[in-house]
Amino acid sequence: MKRSLRLSLVAGASLVGLASFLVHPFGTVKAKSSTAALLFGAEVDPAVARILQRSCQNCHSEKTQWPWYSYVAPMSWLIENDVQRARDHMNFSGWDQYGIEKRQELLARLAAEVRNRQMPPARYTLLHSSAKLSDGELDRIYQWARTERRRLKQLSGR
């Protein structure tokens, strides 16, 4: 009896483990990768680019570095969902594919969310402390987003 119970538990755990590698309810998020520069087509100060790479690119680009626990369900599903939603909102890898008006809208939203300390989310920085932004970094991103938005406004003639 104990042996069959143990065997059932091992089989069940193996099945769950296999499912965590095979089942991806949010699509092929991990399969998408890009070699394009972040924010290609934007004028980005190198210091701001480094901050965005450190704190934003894991979710808002196709240059995600997937930690080991992102391959084990149910954590994999939570992380893949978060990354997919973040990329749907704003994908730095596809910046050049957005129109000027869309870029302005995204920069306005970025500035507001950084200013209000909504990005990066606290639950993300709990596991990724290096992604935390100092007051100076928050201000630097905010100022860059405003400046880039004004530049795009001038380009569009509005």
N, C-alpha and C. Protein backbone atom coordinates (compact mmCIF):
# COMPACT_ATOMS: atom_id res chain seq x y z
N MET A 1 0.83 -1.19 0.00
CA MET A 1 0.00 0.00 0.00
C MET A 1 0.87 1.25 0.00
N LYS A 2 1.86 1.29 0.92
CA LYS A 2 2.74 2.46 0.98
C LYS A 2 3.51 2.63 -0.31
N ARG A 3 3.90 1.50 -0.87
CA ARG A 3 4.69 1.54 -2.10
C ARG A 3 3.86 2.11 -3.26
N SER A 4 2.59 1.72 -3.36
CA SER A 4 1.74 2.22 -4.44
C SER A 4 1.42 3.70 -4.23
N LEU A 5 1.29 4.13 -2.98
CA LEU A 5 1.06 5.54 -2.69
C LEU A 5 2.29 6.36 -3.08
N ARG A 6 3.46 5.86 -2.71
CA ARG A 6 4.71 6.54 -3.05
C ARG A 6 4.88 6.62 -4.58
N LEU A 7 4.57 5.54 -5.24
CA LEU A 7 4.67 5.48 -6.69
C LEU A 7 3.69 6.47 -7.34
N SER A 8 2.49 6.55 -6.79
CA SER A 8 1.49 7.49 -7.30
C SER A 8 1.95 8.93 -7.10
N LEU A 9 2.53 9.24 -5.95
CA LEU A 9 3.03 10.59 -5.69
C LEU A 9 4.16 10.96 -6.65
N VAL A 10 5.07 10.03 -6.86
CA VAL A 10 6.18 10.28 -7.78
C VAL A 10 5.66 10.48 -9.20
N ALA A 11 4.72 9.65 -9.61
CA ALA A 11 4.14 9.77 -10.95
C ALA A 11 3.40 11.11 -11.09
N GLY A 12 2.65 11.48 -10.07
CA GLY A 12 1.94 12.76 -10.09
C GLY A 12 2.89 13.94 -10.15
N ALA A 13 3.94 13.91 -9.35
CA ALA A 13 4.93 14.99 -9.36
C ALA A 13 5.64 15.06 -10.71
N SER A 14 5.92 13.92 -11.29
CA SER A 14 6.55 13.89 -12.61
C SER A 14 5.63 14.47 -13.67
N LEU A 15 4.36 14.16 -13.58
CA LEU A 15 3.39 14.68 -14.52
C LEU A 15 3.28 16.21 -14.40
N VAL A 16 3.23 16.71 -13.19
CA VAL A 16 3.19 18.16 -12.96
C VAL A 16 4.46 18.81 -13.49
N GLY A 17 5.60 18.18 -13.23
CA GLY A 17 6.87 18.71 -13.73
C GLY A 17 6.90 18.77 -15.24
N LEU A 18 6.44 17.72 -15.89
CA LEU A 18 6.39 17.69 -17.34
C LEU A 18 5.43 18.74 -17.88
N ALA A 19 4.29 18.87 -17.24
CA ALA A 19 3.30 19.87 -17.66
C ALA A 19 3.87 21.28 -17.55
N SER A 20 4.69 21.53 -16.56
CA SER A 20 5.25 22.88 -16.39
C SER A 20 6.16 23.26 -17.55
N PHE A 21 6.75 22.28 -18.21
CA PHE A 21 7.58 22.56 -19.37
C PHE A 21 6.78 22.61 -20.67
N LEU A 22 5.66 21.91 -20.70
CA LEU A 22 4.89 21.78 -21.94
C LEU A 22 3.69 22.72 -22.03
N VAL A 23 3.09 23.06 -20.90
CA VAL A 23 1.88 23.86 -20.90
C VAL A 23 2.24 25.34 -20.70
N HIS A 24 1.86 26.14 -21.68
CA HIS A 24 2.11 27.59 -21.63
C HIS A 24 0.80 28.32 -21.97
N PRO A 25 -0.03 28.58 -20.98
CA PRO A 25 -1.34 29.16 -21.25
C PRO A 25 -1.30 30.56 -21.86
N PHE A 26 -0.15 31.21 -21.87
CA PHE A 26 -0.06 32.57 -22.40
C PHE A 26 0.73 32.62 -23.70
N GLY A 27 0.83 31.50 -24.37
CA GLY A 27 1.48 31.46 -25.67
C GLY A 27 2.96 31.22 -25.57
N THR A 28 3.64 31.59 -26.63
CA THR A 28 5.07 31.33 -26.76
C THR A 28 5.89 32.56 -26.38
N VAL A 29 5.63 33.08 -25.22
CA VAL A 29 6.30 34.30 -24.76
C VAL A 29 7.82 34.12 -24.76
N LYS A 30 8.27 32.98 -24.29
CA LYS A 30 9.71 32.75 -24.18
C LYS A 30 10.38 32.58 -25.53
N ALA A 31 9.63 32.22 -26.55
CA ALA A 31 10.20 31.99 -27.87
C ALA A 31 10.55 33.30 -28.57
N LYS A 32 9.93 34.39 -28.17
CA LYS A 32 10.19 35.68 -28.82
C LYS A 32 11.46 36.30 -28.25
N SER A 33 12.39 36.57 -29.14
CA SER A 33 13.60 37.27 -28.71
C SER A 33 14.00 38.22 -29.82
N SER A 34 14.79 39.20 -29.46
CA SER A 34 15.16 40.23 -30.41
C SER A 34 16.61 40.62 -30.22
N THR A 35 17.25 40.96 -31.32
CA THR A 35 18.61 41.48 -31.26
C THR A 35 18.60 42.99 -31.50
N ALA A 36 17.43 43.54 -31.77
CA ALA A 36 17.31 44.98 -32.01
C ALA A 36 17.64 45.76 -30.74
N ALA A 37 18.21 46.93 -30.94
CA ALA A 37 18.50 47.81 -29.80
C ALA A 37 17.19 48.25 -29.15
N LEU A 38 17.21 48.37 -27.84
CA LEU A 38 16.03 48.87 -27.14
C LEU A 38 15.73 50.29 -27.62
N LEU A 39 14.46 50.56 -27.83
CA LEU A 39 13.99 51.87 -28.24
C LEU A 39 14.65 52.35 -29.53
N PHE A 40 14.85 51.42 -30.48
CA PHE A 40 15.46 51.76 -31.75
C PHE A 40 14.64 52.86 -32.41
N GLY A 41 15.30 53.93 -32.80
CA GLY A 41 14.64 55.06 -33.42
C GLY A 41 14.38 56.21 -32.47
N ALA A 42 14.56 55.99 -31.19
CA ALA A 42 14.38 57.05 -30.19
C ALA A 42 15.75 57.66 -29.88
N GLU A 43 15.73 58.88 -29.40
CA GLU A 43 16.95 59.50 -28.91
C GLU A 43 16.99 59.26 -27.41
N VAL A 44 17.91 58.39 -26.99
CA VAL A 44 17.98 57.99 -25.59
C VAL A 44 19.38 58.27 -25.05
N ASP A 45 19.42 59.02 -23.98
CA ASP A 45 20.68 59.27 -23.28
C ASP A 45 21.25 57.92 -22.83
N PRO A 46 22.56 57.67 -23.00
CA PRO A 46 23.13 56.38 -22.61
C PRO A 46 22.86 55.99 -21.14
N ALA A 47 22.85 56.97 -20.26
CA ALA A 47 22.58 56.68 -18.84
C ALA A 47 21.14 56.19 -18.67
N VAL A 48 20.20 56.80 -19.38
CA VAL A 48 18.80 56.36 -19.31
C VAL A 48 18.67 54.97 -19.93
N ALA A 49 19.37 54.73 -21.02
CA ALA A 49 19.33 53.41 -21.67
C ALA A 49 19.79 52.32 -20.70
N ARG A 50 20.84 52.60 -19.95
CA ARG A 50 21.34 51.62 -18.98
C ARG A 50 20.30 51.36 -17.88
N ILE A 51 19.64 52.40 -17.42
CA ILE A 51 18.61 52.24 -16.39
C ILE A 51 17.45 51.39 -16.94
N LEU A 52 17.01 51.69 -18.15
CA LEU A 52 15.91 50.94 -18.75
C LEU A 52 16.29 49.48 -18.98
N GLN A 53 17.53 49.25 -19.39
CA GLN A 53 18.00 47.87 -19.58
C GLN A 53 17.96 47.11 -18.26
N ARG A 54 18.40 47.75 -17.20
CA ARG A 54 18.48 47.09 -15.90
C ARG A 54 17.11 46.88 -15.27
N SER A 55 16.23 47.86 -15.40
CA SER A 55 14.97 47.83 -14.65
C SER A 55 13.73 47.51 -15.46
N CYS A 56 13.79 47.61 -16.78
CA CYS A 56 12.57 47.49 -17.57
C CYS A 56 12.60 46.41 -18.65
N GLN A 57 13.79 46.11 -19.17
CA GLN A 57 13.84 45.26 -20.35
C GLN A 57 13.36 43.83 -20.12
N ASN A 58 13.44 43.31 -18.90
CA ASN A 58 13.00 41.93 -18.67
C ASN A 58 11.52 41.74 -18.96
N CYS A 59 10.73 42.77 -18.76
CA CYS A 59 9.30 42.65 -19.02
C CYS A 59 8.87 43.38 -20.29
N HIS A 60 9.47 44.53 -20.55
CA HIS A 60 9.02 45.39 -21.65
C HIS A 60 9.89 45.28 -22.89
N SER A 61 10.47 44.12 -23.13
CA SER A 61 11.23 43.91 -24.36
C SER A 61 11.28 42.42 -24.65
N GLU A 62 11.89 42.08 -25.75
CA GLU A 62 12.08 40.68 -26.11
C GLU A 62 13.51 40.25 -25.80
N LYS A 63 14.11 40.92 -24.82
CA LYS A 63 15.44 40.58 -24.33
C LYS A 63 15.35 40.09 -22.88
N THR A 64 14.29 39.40 -22.59
CA THR A 64 14.02 38.90 -21.25
C THR A 64 15.05 37.86 -20.85
N GLN A 65 15.55 38.00 -19.65
CA GLN A 65 16.42 36.96 -19.07
C GLN A 65 15.53 36.16 -18.13
N TRP A 66 15.27 34.92 -18.52
CA TRP A 66 14.34 34.08 -17.79
C TRP A 66 15.05 33.36 -16.66
N PRO A 67 14.68 33.62 -15.40
CA PRO A 67 15.30 32.89 -14.28
C PRO A 67 14.83 31.44 -14.27
N TRP A 68 15.55 30.60 -13.55
CA TRP A 68 15.24 29.17 -13.53
C TRP A 68 13.81 28.90 -13.10
N TYR A 69 13.30 29.68 -12.14
CA TYR A 69 11.95 29.42 -11.63
C TYR A 69 10.86 29.81 -12.63
N SER A 70 11.25 30.49 -13.72
CA SER A 70 10.26 30.83 -14.74
C SER A 70 9.96 29.63 -15.65
N TYR A 71 10.60 28.51 -15.37
CA TYR A 71 10.36 27.29 -16.13
C TYR A 71 9.58 26.25 -15.34
N VAL A 72 9.16 26.59 -14.12
CA VAL A 72 8.46 25.65 -13.26
C VAL A 72 7.06 26.20 -12.95
N ALA A 73 6.04 25.43 -13.33
CA ALA A 73 4.67 25.83 -13.04
C ALA A 73 4.41 25.76 -11.54
N PRO A 74 3.61 26.60 -10.99
CA PRO A 74 2.81 27.63 -11.62
C PRO A 74 3.53 28.98 -11.75
N MET A 75 4.75 29.09 -11.22
CA MET A 75 5.49 30.35 -11.34
C MET A 75 5.69 30.73 -12.81
N SER A 76 5.96 29.75 -13.65
CA SER A 76 6.19 30.03 -15.07
C SER A 76 4.97 30.71 -15.68
N TRP A 77 3.79 30.27 -15.29
CA TRP A 77 2.58 30.84 -15.85
C TRP A 77 2.38 32.28 -15.38
N LEU A 78 2.66 32.54 -14.12
CA LEU A 78 2.54 33.91 -13.60
C LEU A 78 3.52 34.84 -14.29
N ILE A 79 4.76 34.41 -14.42
CA ILE A 79 5.79 35.24 -15.03
C ILE A 79 5.51 35.46 -16.51
N GLU A 80 5.15 34.41 -17.22
CA GLU A 80 4.85 34.54 -18.65
C GLU A 80 3.67 35.49 -18.86
N ASN A 81 2.67 35.40 -18.00
CA ASN A 81 1.52 36.30 -18.10
C ASN A 81 1.95 37.75 -17.87
N ASP A 82 2.76 37.99 -16.84
CA ASP A 82 3.23 39.34 -16.56
C ASP A 82 4.03 39.90 -17.74
N VAL A 83 4.93 39.11 -18.28
CA VAL A 83 5.77 39.57 -19.40
C VAL A 83 4.91 39.83 -20.63
N GLN A 84 3.98 38.93 -20.92
CA GLN A 84 3.11 39.12 -22.08
C GLN A 84 2.30 40.40 -21.94
N ARG A 85 1.73 40.63 -20.77
CA ARG A 85 0.94 41.85 -20.54
C ARG A 85 1.81 43.11 -20.65
N ALA A 86 3.03 43.04 -20.10
CA ALA A 86 3.94 44.20 -20.17
C ALA A 86 4.30 44.51 -21.61
N ARG A 87 4.62 43.48 -22.38
CA ARG A 87 4.96 43.69 -23.80
C ARG A 87 3.76 44.21 -24.58
N ASP A 88 2.55 43.75 -24.23
CA ASP A 88 1.35 44.25 -24.90
C ASP A 88 1.17 45.74 -24.64
N HIS A 89 1.52 46.19 -23.45
CA HIS A 89 1.40 47.62 -23.12
C HIS A 89 2.48 48.45 -23.80
N MET A 90 3.71 47.94 -23.77
CA MET A 90 4.83 48.68 -24.36
C MET A 90 5.99 47.73 -24.54
N ASN A 91 6.45 47.62 -25.79
CA ASN A 91 7.54 46.72 -26.11
C ASN A 91 8.71 47.54 -26.65
N PHE A 92 9.75 47.69 -25.85
CA PHE A 92 10.92 48.46 -26.27
C PHE A 92 11.62 47.85 -27.48
N SER A 93 11.46 46.54 -27.69
CA SER A 93 12.10 45.88 -28.83
C SER A 93 11.41 46.24 -30.15
N GLY A 94 10.18 46.64 -30.09
CA GLY A 94 9.44 47.01 -31.29
C GLY A 94 9.12 48.49 -31.36
N TRP A 95 9.92 49.30 -30.70
CA TRP A 95 9.67 50.74 -30.62
C TRP A 95 9.53 51.37 -32.00
N ASP A 96 10.38 50.97 -32.94
CA ASP A 96 10.36 51.55 -34.28
C ASP A 96 9.11 51.17 -35.07
N GLN A 97 8.34 50.22 -34.58
CA GLN A 97 7.12 49.80 -35.26
C GLN A 97 5.89 50.61 -34.81
N TYR A 98 6.04 51.36 -33.72
CA TYR A 98 4.96 52.24 -33.28
C TYR A 98 4.98 53.53 -34.10
N GLY A 99 3.80 54.06 -34.37
CA GLY A 99 3.71 55.35 -35.01
C GLY A 99 4.08 56.47 -34.03
N ILE A 100 4.27 57.65 -34.54
CA ILE A 100 4.69 58.78 -33.69
C ILE A 100 3.67 59.07 -32.60
N GLU A 101 2.39 59.05 -32.95
CA GLU A 101 1.36 59.33 -31.93
C GLU A 101 1.35 58.27 -30.85
N LYS A 102 1.51 57.01 -31.24
CA LYS A 102 1.54 55.92 -30.26
C LYS A 102 2.76 56.06 -29.36
N ARG A 103 3.90 56.42 -29.93
CA ARG A 103 5.11 56.63 -29.12
C ARG A 103 4.88 57.74 -28.10
N GLN A 104 4.24 58.83 -28.54
CA GLN A 104 3.97 59.94 -27.62
C GLN A 104 3.06 59.48 -26.48
N GLU A 105 2.06 58.69 -26.83
CA GLU A 105 1.14 58.17 -25.81
C GLU A 105 1.89 57.27 -24.82
N LEU A 106 2.74 56.40 -25.33
CA LEU A 106 3.51 55.50 -24.47
C LEU A 106 4.48 56.26 -23.57
N LEU A 107 5.12 57.28 -24.12
CA LEU A 107 6.05 58.09 -23.32
C LEU A 107 5.31 58.85 -22.22
N ALA A 108 4.11 59.34 -22.53
CA ALA A 108 3.31 60.03 -21.51
C ALA A 108 2.94 59.07 -20.39
N ARG A 109 2.54 57.86 -20.76
CA ARG A 109 2.18 56.86 -19.76
C ARG A 109 3.40 56.44 -18.95
N LEU A 110 4.53 56.25 -19.63
CA LEU A 110 5.78 55.89 -18.94
C LEU A 110 6.15 56.96 -17.92
N ALA A 111 6.11 58.22 -18.34
CA ALA A 111 6.45 59.32 -17.45
C ALA A 111 5.53 59.33 -16.23
N ALA A 112 4.24 59.16 -16.46
CA ALA A 112 3.28 59.20 -15.35
C ALA A 112 3.49 58.02 -14.40
N GLU A 113 3.71 56.84 -14.94
CA GLU A 113 3.86 55.66 -14.08
C GLU A 113 5.17 55.70 -13.29
N VAL A 114 6.22 56.20 -13.90
CA VAL A 114 7.49 56.34 -13.18
C VAL A 114 7.35 57.42 -12.11
N ARG A 115 6.75 58.52 -12.48
CA ARG A 115 6.57 59.63 -11.55
C ARG A 115 5.76 59.20 -10.32
N ASN A 116 4.75 58.34 -10.56
CA ASN A 116 3.89 57.86 -9.47
C ASN A 116 4.40 56.58 -8.83
N ARG A 117 5.61 56.17 -9.20
CA ARG A 117 6.28 54.98 -8.65
C ARG A 117 5.48 53.69 -8.85
N GLN A 118 4.78 53.62 -9.98
CA GLN A 118 4.04 52.41 -10.30
C GLN A 118 4.92 51.42 -11.06
N MET A 119 6.01 51.91 -11.62
CA MET A 119 6.94 51.07 -12.36
C MET A 119 8.34 51.28 -11.80
N PRO A 120 9.13 50.24 -11.68
CA PRO A 120 8.73 48.85 -11.80
C PRO A 120 7.86 48.44 -10.61
N PRO A 121 7.00 47.46 -10.81
CA PRO A 121 6.09 47.04 -9.73
C PRO A 121 6.86 46.51 -8.52
N ALA A 122 6.32 46.76 -7.35
CA ALA A 122 6.97 46.33 -6.10
C ALA A 122 7.16 44.82 -6.05
N ARG A 123 6.21 44.06 -6.56
CA ARG A 123 6.36 42.60 -6.51
C ARG A 123 7.50 42.13 -7.40
N TYR A 124 7.82 42.89 -8.45
CA TYR A 124 8.96 42.54 -9.29
C TYR A 124 10.27 42.85 -8.58
N THR A 125 10.33 44.01 -7.95
CA THR A 125 11.58 44.40 -7.29
C THR A 125 11.85 43.60 -6.02
N LEU A 126 10.83 42.92 -5.50
CA LEU A 126 11.07 42.04 -4.35
C LEU A 126 12.04 40.92 -4.73
N LEU A 127 11.89 40.39 -5.93
CA LEU A 127 12.76 39.31 -6.40
C LEU A 127 13.95 39.82 -7.19
N HIS A 128 13.86 41.04 -7.70
CA HIS A 128 14.92 41.62 -8.53
C HIS A 128 15.31 42.99 -7.96
N SER A 129 16.02 42.95 -6.86
CA SER A 129 16.35 44.20 -6.16
C SER A 129 17.18 45.15 -7.01
N SER A 130 17.93 44.62 -7.97
CA SER A 130 18.73 45.50 -8.83
C SER A 130 17.87 46.35 -9.75
N ALA A 131 16.60 46.00 -9.90
CA ALA A 131 15.69 46.77 -10.75
C ALA A 131 15.09 47.98 -10.04
N LYS A 132 15.28 48.07 -8.72
CA LYS A 132 14.74 49.22 -7.99
C LYS A 132 15.36 50.51 -8.54
N LEU A 133 14.53 51.53 -8.59
CA LEU A 133 14.97 52.83 -9.11
C LEU A 133 15.13 53.83 -7.97
N SER A 134 16.25 54.52 -7.99
CA SER A 134 16.47 55.59 -7.01
C SER A 134 15.64 56.80 -7.44
N ASP A 135 15.53 57.77 -6.55
CA ASP A 135 14.81 59.00 -6.89
C ASP A 135 15.44 59.67 -8.11
N GLY A 136 16.77 59.68 -8.17
CA GLY A 136 17.46 60.29 -9.29
C GLY A 136 17.19 59.56 -10.60
N GLU A 137 17.14 58.23 -10.53
CA GLU A 137 16.87 57.44 -11.74
C GLU A 137 15.42 57.64 -12.20
N LEU A 138 14.51 57.68 -11.24
CA LEU A 138 13.11 57.95 -11.59
C LEU A 138 12.98 59.29 -12.29
N ASP A 139 13.64 60.29 -11.75
CA ASP A 139 13.57 61.62 -12.34
C ASP A 139 14.23 61.64 -13.72
N ARG A 140 15.32 60.94 -13.86
CA ARG A 140 16.03 60.90 -15.14
C ARG A 140 15.16 60.28 -16.23
N ILE A 141 14.48 59.18 -15.92
CA ILE A 141 13.57 58.55 -16.88
C ILE A 141 12.41 59.49 -17.20
N TYR A 142 11.87 60.09 -16.16
CA TYR A 142 10.75 61.03 -16.34
C TYR A 142 11.14 62.18 -17.26
N GLN A 143 12.30 62.79 -17.01
CA GLN A 143 12.75 63.91 -17.84
C GLN A 143 13.02 63.47 -19.27
N TRP A 144 13.64 62.28 -19.43
CA TRP A 144 13.90 61.79 -20.78
C TRP A 144 12.58 61.57 -21.53
N ALA A 145 11.60 60.93 -20.90
CA ALA A 145 10.32 60.65 -21.55
C ALA A 145 9.65 61.95 -21.99
N ARG A 146 9.70 62.96 -21.16
CA ARG A 146 9.11 64.25 -21.53
C ARG A 146 9.86 64.89 -22.70
N THR A 147 11.18 64.83 -22.66
CA THR A 147 11.99 65.41 -23.73
C THR A 147 11.76 64.68 -25.05
N GLU A 148 11.75 63.38 -25.01
CA GLU A 148 11.54 62.58 -26.23
C GLU A 148 10.14 62.81 -26.77
N ARG A 149 9.19 62.97 -25.90
CA ARG A 149 7.82 63.24 -26.34
C ARG A 149 7.73 64.58 -27.05
N ARG A 150 8.41 65.59 -26.49
CA ARG A 150 8.44 66.91 -27.15
C ARG A 150 9.12 66.83 -28.51
N ARG A 151 10.20 66.06 -28.59
CA ARG A 151 10.92 65.91 -29.86
C ARG A 151 10.01 65.28 -30.90
N LEU A 152 9.26 64.27 -30.51
CA LEU A 152 8.35 63.61 -31.45
C LEU A 152 7.22 64.55 -31.87
N LYS A 153 6.79 65.36 -30.92
CA LYS A 153 5.73 66.33 -31.23
C LYS A 153 6.19 67.30 -32.31
N GLN A 154 7.45 67.75 -32.19
CA GLN A 154 8.01 68.65 -33.19
C GLN A 154 8.14 67.96 -34.55
N LEU A 155 8.53 66.69 -34.53
CA LEU A 155 8.64 65.94 -35.79
C LEU A 155 7.32 65.79 -36.50
N SER A 156 6.26 65.60 -35.72
CA SER A 156 4.94 65.41 -36.33
C SER A 156 4.27 66.73 -36.69
N GLY A 157 4.84 67.85 -36.22
CA GLY A 157 4.28 69.15 -36.55
C GLY A 157 3.04 69.50 -35.77
N ARG A 158 2.87 68.85 -34.62
CA ARG A 158 1.67 69.13 -33.80
C ARG A 158 2.06 69.81 -32.53
